[in-house]
Amino acid sequence: MVTSTQSRLFGSRRRTEVLLTIALLGETYPAELARLLGAPLYSVQNIVSALDREGVVASRISGRARVVSLDPRYFAYRELKAVLLRLAEAEPDLRAIASSRRSRPRRAGKPL
């Protein structure tokens, strides 16, 4: 997905994609990240767990889902978010994927 020269900026291409997508979406969960990125769920879960241990992302349980977002308590939160959003500008495919996400269910009976 990410094809720019910064693709391995945060360790691996997949890790960079996960961070960029979390920054674009605000809040998400590993299954949604895996679906949007076309990545194996196990791989995304491992990346999110590592980022959580490092304090870069915060996770909470909501029902049966683990919701993740960038951790505002991270010492360089504002700078990291600014860098990620700036890098996302160079990734039109990733921005299109993030913007296509539905944030709530479609109203019953609403025409397509």
PDB file of N, CA and C in Angstrom:
ATOM      1  N   MET A   1       0.825  -1.187   0.000  1.00  0.00           N
ATOM      2  CA  MET A   1       0.000   0.000   0.000  1.00  0.00           C
ATOM      3  C   MET A   1       0.870   1.252   0.000  1.00  0.00           C
ATOM      4  N   VAL A   2       1.716   1.419   0.998  1.00  0.00           N
ATOM      5  CA  VAL A   2       2.566   2.603   1.067  1.00  0.00           C
ATOM      6  C   VAL A   2       3.733   2.401   0.112  1.00  0.00           C
ATOM      7  N   THR A   3       3.911   3.318  -0.818  1.00  0.00           N
ATOM      8  CA  THR A   3       4.949   3.128  -1.823  1.00  0.00           C
ATOM      9  C   THR A   3       5.995   4.226  -1.816  1.00  0.00           C
ATOM     10  N   SER A   4       5.877   5.197  -0.939  1.00  0.00           N
ATOM     11  CA  SER A   4       6.824   6.308  -0.934  1.00  0.00           C
ATOM     12  C   SER A   4       8.147   5.891  -0.309  1.00  0.00           C
ATOM     13  N   THR A   5       9.103   6.795  -0.338  1.00  0.00           N
ATOM     14  CA  THR A   5      10.427   6.497   0.198  1.00  0.00           C
ATOM     15  C   THR A   5      10.406   6.401   1.716  1.00  0.00           C
ATOM     16  N   GLN A   6       9.385   6.912   2.372  1.00  0.00           N
ATOM     17  CA  GLN A   6       9.297   6.852   3.828  1.00  0.00           C
ATOM     18  C   GLN A   6       8.670   5.548   4.312  1.00  0.00           C
ATOM     19  N   SER A   7       8.488   4.590   3.443  1.00  0.00           N
ATOM     20  CA  SER A   7       7.709   3.403   3.777  1.00  0.00           C
ATOM     21  C   SER A   7       8.251   2.617   4.963  1.00  0.00           C
ATOM     22  N   ARG A   8       9.533   2.714   5.261  1.00  0.00           N
ATOM     23  CA  ARG A   8      10.103   1.972   6.385  1.00  0.00           C
ATOM     24  C   ARG A   8      10.549   2.902   7.514  1.00  0.00           C
ATOM     25  N   LEU A   9      10.002   4.082   7.542  1.00  0.00           N
ATOM     26  CA  LEU A   9      10.413   5.085   8.512  1.00  0.00           C
ATOM     27  C   LEU A   9      10.245   4.622   9.956  1.00  0.00           C
ATOM     28  N   PHE A  10       9.205   3.852  10.245  1.00  0.00           N
ATOM     29  CA  PHE A  10       8.929   3.422  11.614  1.00  0.00           C
ATOM     30  C   PHE A  10       9.269   1.952  11.839  1.00  0.00           C
ATOM     31  N   GLY A  11      10.206   1.417  11.081  1.00  0.00           N
ATOM     32  CA  GLY A  11      10.686   0.062  11.298  1.00  0.00           C
ATOM     33  C   GLY A  11      10.379  -0.882  10.156  1.00  0.00           C
ATOM     34  N   SER A  12       9.129  -0.948   9.756  1.00  0.00           N
ATOM     35  CA  SER A  12       8.742  -1.801   8.637  1.00  0.00           C
ATOM     36  C   SER A  12       7.629  -1.109   7.862  1.00  0.00           C
ATOM     37  N   ARG A  13       7.420  -1.576   6.660  1.00  0.00           N
ATOM     38  CA  ARG A  13       6.370  -1.000   5.825  1.00  0.00           C
ATOM     39  C   ARG A  13       5.010  -1.160   6.491  1.00  0.00           C
ATOM     40  N   ARG A  14       4.738  -2.344   7.028  1.00  0.00           N
ATOM     41  CA  ARG A  14       3.442  -2.619   7.650  1.00  0.00           C
ATOM     42  C   ARG A  14       3.238  -1.766   8.906  1.00  0.00           C
ATOM     43  N   ARG A  15       4.272  -1.641   9.710  1.00  0.00           N
ATOM     44  CA  ARG A  15       4.178  -0.828  10.935  1.00  0.00           C
ATOM     45  C   ARG A  15       3.892   0.635  10.585  1.00  0.00           C
ATOM     46  N   THR A  16       4.537   1.131   9.538  1.00  0.00           N
ATOM     47  CA  THR A  16       4.300   2.500   9.085  1.00  0.00           C
ATOM     48  C   THR A  16       2.862   2.651   8.604  1.00  0.00           C
ATOM     49  N   GLU A  17       2.363   1.676   7.849  1.00  0.00           N
ATOM     50  CA  GLU A  17       0.973   1.713   7.378  1.00  0.00           C
ATOM     51  C   GLU A  17      -0.006   1.740   8.545  1.00  0.00           C
ATOM     52  N   VAL A  18       0.254   0.913   9.552  1.00  0.00           N
ATOM     53  CA  VAL A  18      -0.634   0.859  10.716  1.00  0.00           C
ATOM     54  C   VAL A  18      -0.646   2.202  11.434  1.00  0.00           C
ATOM     55  N   LEU A  19       0.524   2.780  11.668  1.00  0.00           N
ATOM     56  CA  LEU A  19       0.590   4.080  12.348  1.00  0.00           C
ATOM     57  C   LEU A  19      -0.097   5.177  11.541  1.00  0.00           C
ATOM     58  N   LEU A  20       0.148   5.213  10.241  1.00  0.00           N
ATOM     59  CA  LEU A  20      -0.492   6.220   9.394  1.00  0.00           C
ATOM     60  C   LEU A  20      -2.013   6.074   9.422  1.00  0.00           C
ATOM     61  N   THR A  21      -2.491   4.852   9.361  1.00  0.00           N
ATOM     62  CA  THR A  21      -3.932   4.617   9.345  1.00  0.00           C
ATOM     63  C   THR A  21      -4.564   4.984  10.683  1.00  0.00           C
ATOM     64  N   ILE A  22      -3.910   4.656  11.785  1.00  0.00           N
ATOM     65  CA  ILE A  22      -4.425   5.050  13.102  1.00  0.00           C
ATOM     66  C   ILE A  22      -4.496   6.570  13.197  1.00  0.00           C
ATOM     67  N   ALA A  23      -3.467   7.251  12.711  1.00  0.00           N
ATOM     68  CA  ALA A  23      -3.468   8.719  12.752  1.00  0.00           C
ATOM     69  C   ALA A  23      -4.600   9.292  11.902  1.00  0.00           C
ATOM     70  N   LEU A  24      -4.853   8.706  10.745  1.00  0.00           N
ATOM     71  CA  LEU A  24      -5.919   9.200   9.867  1.00  0.00           C
ATOM     72  C   LEU A  24      -7.315   8.923  10.427  1.00  0.00           C
ATOM     73  N   LEU A  25      -7.494   7.761  11.040  1.00  0.00           N
ATOM     74  CA  LEU A  25      -8.818   7.373  11.522  1.00  0.00           C
ATOM     75  C   LEU A  25      -9.135   7.916  12.910  1.00  0.00           C
ATOM     76  N   GLY A  26      -8.128   8.201  13.703  1.00  0.00           N
ATOM     77  CA  GLY A  26      -8.368   8.648  15.076  1.00  0.00           C
ATOM     78  C   GLY A  26      -8.506   7.453  15.993  1.00  0.00           C
ATOM     79  N   GLU A  27      -9.639   6.783  15.947  1.00  0.00           N
ATOM     80  CA  GLU A  27      -9.862   5.559  16.711  1.00  0.00           C
ATOM     81  C   GLU A  27     -10.239   4.446  15.751  1.00  0.00           C
ATOM     82  N   THR A  28      -9.698   3.281  16.010  1.00  0.00           N
ATOM     83  CA  THR A  28      -9.989   2.126  15.170  1.00  0.00           C
ATOM     84  C   THR A  28      -9.721   0.876  15.987  1.00  0.00           C
ATOM     85  N   TYR A  29      -9.799  -0.272  15.367  1.00  0.00           N
ATOM     86  CA  TYR A  29      -9.498  -1.519  16.046  1.00  0.00           C
ATOM     87  C   TYR A  29      -8.716  -2.413  15.092  1.00  0.00           C
ATOM     88  N   PRO A  30      -7.945  -3.366  15.632  1.00  0.00           N
ATOM     89  CA  PRO A  30      -7.055  -4.173  14.792  1.00  0.00           C
ATOM     90  C   PRO A  30      -7.742  -4.875  13.624  1.00  0.00           C
ATOM     91  N   ALA A  31      -8.938  -5.396  13.819  1.00  0.00           N
ATOM     92  CA  ALA A  31      -9.620  -6.092  12.714  1.00  0.00           C
ATOM     93  C   ALA A  31      -9.931  -5.126  11.577  1.00  0.00           C
ATOM     94  N   GLU A  32     -10.317  -3.908  11.918  1.00  0.00           N
ATOM     95  CA  GLU A  32     -10.593  -2.912  10.881  1.00  0.00           C
ATOM     96  C   GLU A  32      -9.301  -2.517  10.169  1.00  0.00           C
ATOM     97  N   LEU A  33      -8.221  -2.343  10.925  1.00  0.00           N
ATOM     98  CA  LEU A  33      -6.928  -2.028  10.310  1.00  0.00           C
ATOM     99  C   LEU A  33      -6.523  -3.124   9.335  1.00  0.00           C
ATOM    100  N   ALA A  34      -6.653  -4.380   9.768  1.00  0.00           N
ATOM    101  CA  ALA A  34      -6.278  -5.504   8.906  1.00  0.00           C
ATOM    102  C   ALA A  34      -7.118  -5.513   7.632  1.00  0.00           C
ATOM    103  N   ARG A  35      -8.411  -5.258   7.764  1.00  0.00           N
ATOM    104  CA  ARG A  35      -9.302  -5.255   6.599  1.00  0.00           C
ATOM    105  C   ARG A  35      -8.950  -4.114   5.653  1.00  0.00           C
ATOM    106  N   LEU A  36      -8.760  -2.915   6.192  1.00  0.00           N
ATOM    107  CA  LEU A  36      -8.461  -1.758   5.350  1.00  0.00           C
ATOM    108  C   LEU A  36      -7.112  -1.884   4.645  1.00  0.00           C
ATOM    109  N   LEU A  37      -6.126  -2.444   5.342  1.00  0.00           N
ATOM    110  CA  LEU A  37      -4.776  -2.544   4.786  1.00  0.00           C
ATOM    111  C   LEU A  37      -4.554  -3.833   3.997  1.00  0.00           C
ATOM    112  N   GLY A  38      -5.490  -4.770   4.087  1.00  0.00           N
ATOM    113  CA  GLY A  38      -5.309  -6.046   3.407  1.00  0.00           C
ATOM    114  C   GLY A  38      -4.175  -6.844   4.022  1.00  0.00           C
ATOM    115  N   ALA A  39      -4.044  -6.742   5.338  1.00  0.00           N
ATOM    116  CA  ALA A  39      -2.952  -7.398   6.061  1.00  0.00           C
ATOM    117  C   ALA A  39      -3.514  -8.515   6.937  1.00  0.00           C
ATOM    118  N   PRO A  40      -2.685  -9.491   7.283  1.00  0.00           N
ATOM    119  CA  PRO A  40      -3.142 -10.538   8.205  1.00  0.00           C
ATOM    120  C   PRO A  40      -3.461  -9.936   9.578  1.00  0.00           C
ATOM    121  N   LEU A  41      -4.566 -10.363  10.168  1.00  0.00           N
ATOM    122  CA  LEU A  41      -4.988  -9.837  11.464  1.00  0.00           C
ATOM    123  C   LEU A  41      -3.918 -10.059  12.525  1.00  0.00           C
ATOM    124  N   TYR A  42      -3.312 -11.241  12.539  1.00  0.00           N
ATOM    125  CA  TYR A  42      -2.292 -11.558  13.535  1.00  0.00           C
ATOM    126  C   TYR A  42      -1.130 -10.568  13.461  1.00  0.00           C
ATOM    127  N   SER A  43      -0.719 -10.226  12.261  1.00  0.00           N
ATOM    128  CA  SER A  43       0.370  -9.268  12.063  1.00  0.00           C
ATOM    129  C   SER A  43       0.001  -7.894  12.621  1.00  0.00           C
ATOM    130  N   VAL A  44      -1.205  -7.441  12.317  1.00  0.00           N
ATOM    131  CA  VAL A  44      -1.660  -6.135  12.804  1.00  0.00           C
ATOM    132  C   VAL A  44      -1.787  -6.152  14.327  1.00  0.00           C
ATOM    133  N   GLN A  45      -2.310  -7.240  14.889  1.00  0.00           N
ATOM    134  CA  GLN A  45      -2.433  -7.341  16.344  1.00  0.00           C
ATOM    135  C   GLN A  45      -1.068  -7.270  17.016  1.00  0.00           C
ATOM    136  N   ASN A  46      -0.068  -7.933  16.439  1.00  0.00           N
ATOM    137  CA  ASN A  46       1.284  -7.882  17.004  1.00  0.00           C
ATOM    138  C   ASN A  46       1.861  -6.475  16.942  1.00  0.00           C
ATOM    139  N   ILE A  47       1.655  -5.784  15.839  1.00  0.00           N
ATOM    140  CA  ILE A  47       2.156  -4.417  15.692  1.00  0.00           C
ATOM    141  C   ILE A  47       1.477  -3.500  16.699  1.00  0.00           C
ATOM    142  N   VAL A  48       0.161  -3.606  16.827  1.00  0.00           N
ATOM    143  CA  VAL A  48      -0.581  -2.764  17.773  1.00  0.00           C
ATOM    144  C   VAL A  48      -0.138  -3.056  19.205  1.00  0.00           C
ATOM    145  N   SER A  49       0.068  -4.325  19.540  1.00  0.00           N
ATOM    146  CA  SER A  49       0.534  -4.680  20.883  1.00  0.00           C
ATOM    147  C   SER A  49       1.906  -4.082  21.166  1.00  0.00           C
ATOM    148  N   ALA A  50       2.804  -4.155  20.194  1.00  0.00           N
ATOM    149  CA  ALA A  50       4.142  -3.577  20.370  1.00  0.00           C
ATOM    150  C   ALA A  50       4.064  -2.064  20.535  1.00  0.00           C
ATOM    151  N   LEU A  51       3.247  -1.407  19.735  1.00  0.00           N
ATOM    152  CA  LEU A  51       3.090   0.048  19.850  1.00  0.00           C
ATOM    153  C   LEU A  51       2.456   0.425  21.183  1.00  0.00           C
ATOM    154  N   ASP A  52       1.573  -0.425  21.682  1.00  0.00           N
ATOM    155  CA  ASP A  52       0.950  -0.190  22.987  1.00  0.00           C
ATOM    156  C   ASP A  52       1.990  -0.315  24.100  1.00  0.00           C
ATOM    157  N   ARG A  53       2.830  -1.343  24.034  1.00  0.00           N
ATOM    158  CA  ARG A  53       3.896  -1.515  25.034  1.00  0.00           C
ATOM    159  C   ARG A  53       4.866  -0.342  25.026  1.00  0.00           C
ATOM    160  N   GLU A  54       5.123   0.210  23.842  1.00  0.00           N
ATOM    161  CA  GLU A  54       6.046   1.336  23.712  1.00  0.00           C
ATOM    162  C   GLU A  54       5.400   2.656  24.116  1.00  0.00           C
ATOM    163  N   GLY A  55       4.086   2.659  24.324  1.00  0.00           N
ATOM    164  CA  GLY A  55       3.388   3.863  24.748  1.00  0.00           C
ATOM    165  C   GLY A  55       2.976   4.787  23.623  1.00  0.00           C
ATOM    166  N   VAL A  56       3.126   4.352  22.387  1.00  0.00           N
ATOM    167  CA  VAL A  56       2.789   5.190  21.237  1.00  0.00           C
ATOM    168  C   VAL A  56       1.284   5.203  21.002  1.00  0.00           C
ATOM    169  N   VAL A  57       0.634   4.057  21.181  1.00  0.00           N
ATOM    170  CA  VAL A  57      -0.818   3.993  21.051  1.00  0.00           C
ATOM    171  C   VAL A  57      -1.423   3.597  22.391  1.00  0.00           C
ATOM    172  N   ALA A  58      -2.654   3.994  22.573  1.00  0.00           N
ATOM    173  CA  ALA A  58      -3.417   3.604  23.757  1.00  0.00           C
ATOM    174  C   ALA A  58      -4.535   2.688  23.290  1.00  0.00           C
ATOM    175  N   SER A  59      -4.821   1.675  24.080  1.00  0.00           N
ATOM    176  CA  SER A  59      -5.917   0.781  23.718  1.00  0.00           C
ATOM    177  C   SER A  59      -6.865   0.655  24.898  1.00  0.00           C
ATOM    178  N   ARG A  60      -8.115   0.410  24.562  1.00  0.00           N
ATOM    179  CA  ARG A  60      -9.136   0.176  25.580  1.00  0.00           C
ATOM    180  C   ARG A  60     -10.098  -0.860  25.015  1.00  0.00           C
ATOM    181  N   ILE A  61     -10.767  -1.539  25.914  1.00  0.00           N
ATOM    182  CA  ILE A  61     -11.736  -2.546  25.508  1.00  0.00           C
ATOM    183  C   ILE A  61     -13.119  -1.898  25.459  1.00  0.00           C
ATOM    184  N   SER A  62     -13.795  -2.083  24.339  1.00  0.00           N
ATOM    185  CA  SER A  62     -15.160  -1.590  24.170  1.00  0.00           C
ATOM    186  C   SER A  62     -15.999  -2.776  23.712  1.00  0.00           C
ATOM    187  N   GLY A  63     -16.750  -3.356  24.636  1.00  0.00           N
ATOM    188  CA  GLY A  63     -17.477  -4.586  24.330  1.00  0.00           C
ATOM    189  C   GLY A  63     -16.488  -5.713  24.143  1.00  0.00           C
ATOM    190  N   ARG A  64     -16.468  -6.289  22.947  1.00  0.00           N
ATOM    191  CA  ARG A  64     -15.498  -7.345  22.654  1.00  0.00           C
ATOM    192  C   ARG A  64     -14.362  -6.845  21.783  1.00  0.00           C
ATOM    193  N   ALA A  65     -14.393  -5.571  21.437  1.00  0.00           N
ATOM    194  CA  ALA A  65     -13.378  -5.014  20.536  1.00  0.00           C
ATOM    195  C   ALA A  65     -12.326  -4.236  21.323  1.00  0.00           C
ATOM    196  N   ARG A  66     -11.121  -4.267  20.821  1.00  0.00           N
ATOM    197  CA  ARG A  66     -10.016  -3.498  21.386  1.00  0.00           C
ATOM    198  C   ARG A  66      -9.850  -2.247  20.524  1.00  0.00           C
ATOM    199  N   VAL A  67     -10.196  -1.099  21.068  1.00  0.00           N
ATOM    200  CA  VAL A  67     -10.133   0.160  20.338  1.00  0.00           C
ATOM    201  C   VAL A  67      -8.762   0.784  20.572  1.00  0.00           C
ATOM    202  N   VAL A  68      -8.096   1.200  19.492  1.00  0.00           N
ATOM    203  CA  VAL A  68      -6.765   1.804  19.604  1.00  0.00           C
ATOM    204  C   VAL A  68      -6.759   3.194  18.989  1.00  0.00           C
ATOM    205  N   SER A  69      -5.907   4.034  19.540  1.00  0.00           N
ATOM    206  CA  SER A  69      -5.697   5.387  19.022  1.00  0.00           C
ATOM    207  C   SER A  69      -4.302   5.820  19.437  1.00  0.00           C
ATOM    208  N   LEU A  70      -3.813   6.895  18.839  1.00  0.00           N
ATOM    209  CA  LEU A  70      -2.540   7.439  19.284  1.00  0.00           C
ATOM    210  C   LEU A  70      -2.708   7.891  20.728  1.00  0.00           C
ATOM    211  N   ASP A  71      -1.706   7.643  21.561  1.00  0.00           N
ATOM    212  CA  ASP A  71      -1.796   7.970  22.985  1.00  0.00           C
ATOM    213  C   ASP A  71      -1.453   9.436  23.211  1.00  0.00           C
ATOM    214  N   PRO A  72      -2.424  10.249  23.648  1.00  0.00           N
ATOM    215  CA  PRO A  72      -2.139  11.671  23.879  1.00  0.00           C
ATOM    216  C   PRO A  72      -1.171  11.898  25.036  1.00  0.00           C
ATOM    217  N   ARG A  73      -0.908  10.873  25.851  1.00  0.00           N
ATOM    218  CA  ARG A  73       0.063  11.006  26.945  1.00  0.00           C
ATOM    219  C   ARG A  73       1.495  10.737  26.481  1.00  0.00           C
ATOM    220  N   TYR A  74       1.657  10.255  25.264  1.00  0.00           N
ATOM    221  CA  TYR A  74       2.993  10.016  24.717  1.00  0.00           C
ATOM    222  C   TYR A  74       3.736  11.347  24.662  1.00  0.00           C
ATOM    223  N   PHE A  75       4.993  11.370  25.093  1.00  0.00           N
ATOM    224  CA  PHE A  75       5.721  12.628  25.260  1.00  0.00           C
ATOM    225  C   PHE A  75       5.834  13.448  23.976  1.00  0.00           C
ATOM    226  N   ALA A  76       5.827  12.801  22.824  1.00  0.00           N
ATOM    227  CA  ALA A  76       5.940  13.517  21.548  1.00  0.00           C
ATOM    228  C   ALA A  76       4.669  13.334  20.716  1.00  0.00           C
ATOM    229  N   TYR A  77       3.527  13.288  21.385  1.00  0.00           N
ATOM    230  CA  TYR A  77       2.253  13.021  20.709  1.00  0.00           C
ATOM    231  C   TYR A  77       1.978  14.020  19.586  1.00  0.00           C
ATOM    232  N   ARG A  78       2.049  15.302  19.887  1.00  0.00           N
ATOM    233  CA  ARG A  78       1.721  16.313  18.872  1.00  0.00           C
ATOM    234  C   ARG A  78       2.662  16.231  17.683  1.00  0.00           C
ATOM    235  N   GLU A  79       3.945  16.075  17.958  1.00  0.00           N
ATOM    236  CA  GLU A  79       4.928  15.991  16.884  1.00  0.00           C
ATOM    237  C   GLU A  79       4.731  14.729  16.047  1.00  0.00           C
ATOM    238  N   LEU A  80       4.491  13.599  16.723  1.00  0.00           N
ATOM    239  CA  LEU A  80       4.277  12.335  16.011  1.00  0.00           C
ATOM    240  C   LEU A  80       3.035  12.414  15.132  1.00  0.00           C
ATOM    241  N   LYS A  81       1.955  12.945  15.681  1.00  0.00           N
ATOM    242  CA  LYS A  81       0.722  13.061  14.898  1.00  0.00           C
ATOM    243  C   LYS A  81       0.928  13.978  13.700  1.00  0.00           C
ATOM    244  N   ALA A  82       1.643  15.082  13.900  1.00  0.00           N
ATOM    245  CA  ALA A  82       1.908  16.006  12.789  1.00  0.00           C
ATOM    246  C   ALA A  82       2.735  15.325  11.700  1.00  0.00           C
ATOM    247  N   VAL A  83       3.753  14.565  12.095  1.00  0.00           N
ATOM    248  CA  VAL A  83       4.592  13.853  11.123  1.00  0.00           C
ATOM    249  C   VAL A  83       3.765  12.809  10.380  1.00  0.00           C
ATOM    250  N   LEU A  84       2.956  12.051  11.105  1.00  0.00           N
ATOM    251  CA  LEU A  84       2.148  11.013  10.465  1.00  0.00           C
ATOM    252  C   LEU A  84       1.142  11.609   9.485  1.00  0.00           C
ATOM    253  N   LEU A  85       0.483  12.687   9.873  1.00  0.00           N
ATOM    254  CA  LEU A  85      -0.482  13.314   8.965  1.00  0.00           C
ATOM    255  C   LEU A  85       0.212  13.909   7.753  1.00  0.00           C
ATOM    256  N   ARG A  86       1.408  14.433   7.948  1.00  0.00           N
ATOM    257  CA  ARG A  86       2.178  14.979   6.820  1.00  0.00           C
ATOM    258  C   ARG A  86       2.601  13.855   5.871  1.00  0.00           C
ATOM    259  N   LEU A  87       3.063  12.734   6.426  1.00  0.00           N
ATOM    260  CA  LEU A  87       3.433  11.583   5.598  1.00  0.00           C
ATOM    261  C   LEU A  87       2.216  11.036   4.849  1.00  0.00           C
ATOM    262  N   ALA A  88       1.059  11.081   5.484  1.00  0.00           N
ATOM    263  CA  ALA A  88      -0.158  10.566   4.851  1.00  0.00           C
ATOM    264  C   ALA A  88      -0.545  11.383   3.626  1.00  0.00           C
ATOM    265  N   GLU A  89      -0.128  12.645   3.577  1.00  0.00           N
ATOM    266  CA  GLU A  89      -0.421  13.470   2.404  1.00  0.00           C
ATOM    267  C   GLU A  89       0.219  12.899   1.143  1.00  0.00           C
ATOM    268  N   ALA A  90       1.322  12.181   1.308  1.00  0.00           N
ATOM    269  CA  ALA A  90       2.024  11.591   0.167  1.00  0.00           C
ATOM    270  C   ALA A  90       1.461  10.225  -0.211  1.00  0.00           C
ATOM    271  N   GLU A  91       0.444   9.779   0.506  1.00  0.00           N
ATOM    272  CA  GLU A  91      -0.131   8.451   0.277  1.00  0.00           C
ATOM    273  C   GLU A  91      -1.610   8.561  -0.089  1.00  0.00           C
ATOM    274  N   PRO A  92      -1.936   8.923  -1.339  1.00  0.00           N
ATOM    275  CA  PRO A  92      -3.348   9.092  -1.707  1.00  0.00           C
ATOM    276  C   PRO A  92      -4.171   7.812  -1.561  1.00  0.00           C
ATOM    277  N   ASP A  93      -3.564   6.655  -1.807  1.00  0.00           N
ATOM    278  CA  ASP A  93      -4.302   5.395  -1.672  1.00  0.00           C
ATOM    279  C   ASP A  93      -4.724   5.166  -0.224  1.00  0.00           C
ATOM    280  N   LEU A  94      -3.811   5.419   0.689  1.00  0.00           N
ATOM    281  CA  LEU A  94      -4.094   5.228   2.107  1.00  0.00           C
ATOM    282  C   LEU A  94      -5.139   6.231   2.594  1.00  0.00           C
ATOM    283  N   ARG A  95      -5.053   7.459   2.134  1.00  0.00           N
ATOM    284  CA  ARG A  95      -6.046   8.479   2.511  1.00  0.00           C
ATOM    285  C   ARG A  95      -7.426   8.101   1.977  1.00  0.00           C
ATOM    286  N   ALA A  96      -7.474   7.563   0.764  1.00  0.00           N
ATOM    287  CA  ALA A  96      -8.757   7.147   0.185  1.00  0.00           C
ATOM    288  C   ALA A  96      -9.367   6.000   0.983  1.00  0.00           C
ATOM    289  N   ILE A  97      -8.539   5.057   1.397  1.00  0.00           N
ATOM    290  CA  ILE A  97      -9.022   3.938   2.206  1.00  0.00           C
ATOM    291  C   ILE A  97      -9.574   4.449   3.527  1.00  0.00           C
ATOM    292  N   ALA A  98      -8.849   5.347   4.171  1.00  0.00           N
ATOM    293  CA  ALA A  98      -9.280   5.875   5.466  1.00  0.00           C
ATOM    294  C   ALA A  98     -10.557   6.695   5.339  1.00  0.00           C
ATOM    295  N   SER A  99     -10.691   7.438   4.265  1.00  0.00           N
ATOM    296  CA  SER A  99     -11.882   8.279   4.117  1.00  0.00           C
ATOM    297  C   SER A  99     -13.115   7.469   3.724  1.00  0.00           C
ATOM    298  N   SER A 100     -12.925   6.261   3.209  1.00  0.00           N
ATOM    299  CA  SER A 100     -14.064   5.432   2.811  1.00  0.00           C
ATOM    300  C   SER A 100     -14.678   4.683   3.986  1.00  0.00           C
ATOM    301  N   ARG A 101     -14.055   4.752   5.132  1.00  0.00           N
ATOM    302  CA  ARG A 101     -14.543   4.035   6.314  1.00  0.00           C
ATOM    303  C   ARG A 101     -15.865   4.636   6.791  1.00  0.00           C
ATOM    304  N   ARG A 102     -16.819   3.777   7.047  1.00  0.00           N
ATOM    305  CA  ARG A 102     -18.103   4.239   7.598  1.00  0.00           C
ATOM    306  C   ARG A 102     -17.974   4.327   9.108  1.00  0.00           C
ATOM    307  N   SER A 103     -18.377   5.449   9.677  1.00  0.00           N
ATOM    308  CA  SER A 103     -18.246   5.615  11.118  1.00  0.00           C
ATOM    309  C   SER A 103     -19.500   5.182  11.874  1.00  0.00           C
ATOM    310  N   ARG A 104     -20.587   4.978  11.168  1.00  0.00           N
ATOM    311  CA  ARG A 104     -21.798   4.489  11.818  1.00  0.00           C
ATOM    312  C   ARG A 104     -22.620   3.712  10.793  1.00  0.00           C
ATOM    313  N   PRO A 105     -23.534   2.876  11.252  1.00  0.00           N
ATOM    314  CA  PRO A 105     -24.339   2.080  10.326  1.00  0.00           C
ATOM    315  C   PRO A 105     -25.257   2.954   9.477  1.00  0.00           C
ATOM    316  N   ARG A 106     -25.570   2.467   8.306  1.00  0.00           N
ATOM    317  CA  ARG A 106     -26.504   3.167   7.414  1.00  0.00           C
ATOM    318  C   ARG A 106     -27.910   3.086   8.012  1.00  0.00           C
ATOM    319  N   ARG A 107     -28.627   4.191   7.938  1.00  0.00           N
ATOM    320  CA  ARG A 107     -29.993   4.254   8.454  1.00  0.00           C
ATOM    321  C   ARG A 107     -30.863   3.234   7.711  1.00  0.00           C
ATOM    322  N   ALA A 108     -31.693   2.538   8.438  1.00  0.00           N
ATOM    323  CA  ALA A 108     -32.578   1.536   7.843  1.00  0.00           C
ATOM    324  C   ALA A 108     -33.496   2.202   6.828  1.00  0.00           C
ATOM    325  N   GLY A 109     -33.588   1.623   5.647  1.00  0.00           N
ATOM    326  CA  GLY A 109     -34.460   2.135   4.609  1.00  0.00           C
ATOM    327  C   GLY A 109     -33.864   3.247   3.768  1.00  0.00           C
ATOM    328  N   LYS A 110     -32.660   3.690   4.079  1.00  0.00           N
ATOM    329  CA  LYS A 110     -32.034   4.762   3.305  1.00  0.00           C
ATOM    330  C   LYS A 110     -31.609   4.208   1.945  1.00  0.00           C
ATOM    331  N   PRO A 111     -31.963   4.906   0.859  1.00  0.00           N
ATOM    332  CA  PRO A 111     -31.571   4.398  -0.462  1.00  0.00           C
ATOM    333  C   PRO A 111     -30.060   4.462  -0.660  1.00  0.00           C
ATOM    334  N   LEU A 112     -29.550   3.510  -1.428  1.00  0.00           N
ATOM    335  CA  LEU A 112     -28.117   3.485  -1.713  1.00  0.00           C
ATOM    336  C   LEU A 112     -27.805   4.473  -2.739  1.00  0.00           C
TER     337      LEU A 112
END
